[in-house]
Protein backbone atom coordinates (compact mmCIF):
# COMPACT_ATOMS: atom_id res chain seq x y z
CA MET A 1 5.56 -4.77 9.88
CA THR A 2 6.54 -8.02 8.26
CA LYS A 3 8.71 -8.30 5.20
CA ASP A 4 5.97 -10.34 3.50
CA LEU A 5 3.41 -7.57 4.03
CA ARG A 6 5.80 -4.92 2.75
CA GLU A 7 6.53 -7.08 -0.31
CA LEU A 8 2.80 -7.61 -0.92
CA VAL A 9 2.00 -3.90 -0.73
CA GLY A 10 5.08 -2.98 -2.77
CA GLY A 11 4.21 -5.57 -5.39
CA VAL A 12 0.72 -4.16 -5.80
CA TRP A 13 2.14 -0.65 -6.10
CA LYS A 14 4.58 -1.83 -8.78
CA ASP A 15 1.79 -3.51 -10.73
CA VAL A 16 -0.58 -0.57 -10.53
CA LEU A 17 2.06 2.06 -11.29
CA ASP A 18 3.96 -0.10 -13.81
CA LEU A 19 7.26 0.29 -11.96
CA ASP A 20 10.20 -2.06 -11.51
CA VAL A 21 11.22 -0.88 -8.03
CA VAL A 22 9.44 0.73 -5.09
CA ASN A 23 11.36 1.77 -1.97
CA ASP A 24 10.09 2.08 1.61
CA ASP A 25 10.17 5.88 1.59
CA ASP A 26 8.49 6.28 -1.82
CA ASP A 27 5.24 8.22 -1.79
CA PHE A 28 2.57 6.65 -4.00
CA PHE A 29 1.37 9.99 -5.31
CA GLU A 30 4.88 11.33 -5.95
CA LEU A 31 5.52 8.19 -8.01
CA GLY A 32 2.69 9.29 -10.30
CA GLY A 33 -0.22 7.54 -8.62
CA ASP A 34 -3.63 9.16 -8.57
CA SER A 35 -6.81 8.65 -6.59
CA MET A 36 -8.26 6.06 -9.00
CA GLN A 37 -5.05 4.03 -8.84
CA ALA A 38 -5.11 4.31 -5.05
CA VAL A 39 -8.59 2.79 -5.04
CA ASP A 40 -7.28 0.02 -7.31
CA VAL A 41 -4.48 -0.66 -4.79
CA VAL A 42 -6.97 -0.82 -1.92
CA TYR A 43 -9.19 -3.31 -3.75
CA ARG A 44 -6.25 -5.49 -4.78
CA LEU A 45 -4.99 -5.57 -1.20
CA ARG A 46 -8.48 -6.39 0.06
CA ASP A 47 -8.61 -9.28 -2.43
CA ALA A 48 -5.33 -10.47 -0.89
CA GLY A 49 -6.94 -10.45 2.57
CA VAL A 50 -5.65 -7.10 3.80
CA ASP A 51 -8.17 -5.00 5.74
CA LEU A 52 -7.67 -1.50 4.36
CA LYS A 53 -9.85 1.53 3.83
CA VAL A 54 -9.26 4.13 1.13
CA GLY A 55 -8.80 6.79 3.82
CA ASP A 56 -5.99 4.74 5.39
CA PHE A 57 -4.17 4.82 2.09
CA PHE A 58 -4.38 8.60 1.81
CA ALA A 59 -3.30 9.06 5.44
CA HIS A 60 -0.23 6.85 4.90
CA PRO A 61 1.07 7.53 1.36
CA THR A 62 4.54 5.98 1.66
CA LEU A 63 5.17 2.27 1.37
CA HIS A 64 6.64 2.13 4.87
CA GLU A 65 3.82 4.15 6.47
CA LEU A 66 1.07 2.16 4.77
CA SER A 67 2.63 -1.22 5.53
CA THR A 68 3.17 -0.21 9.17
CA ALA A 69 -0.42 1.07 9.51
CA ILE A 70 -1.78 -2.20 8.08
CA SER A 71 0.38 -4.22 10.47
CA VAL A 72 -0.64 -2.16 13.51
CA ALA A 73 -4.33 -2.40 12.61
CA ALA A 74 -4.06 -6.16 12.12
CA SER A 75 -2.36 -6.55 15.51
CA ALA A 76 -5.10 -4.56 17.22
CA ALA A 77 -7.91 -6.61 15.66
């Protein structure tokens, strides 16, 4: 996982959840996120060029897990 990708994903989370800080081990849903906000995150990341499915987001709810899954999928493509 690259730092840029982690910062991109974290930045989207902060925008959607209206937070100042998001840490690698933070769980989106434990931070107060819900399924509609998760869909918003997925669409924002897609707009930024990240190939992500909604199911991927639910399978990897922490910032570290999601960023790593995106990186691994991009490497395999």
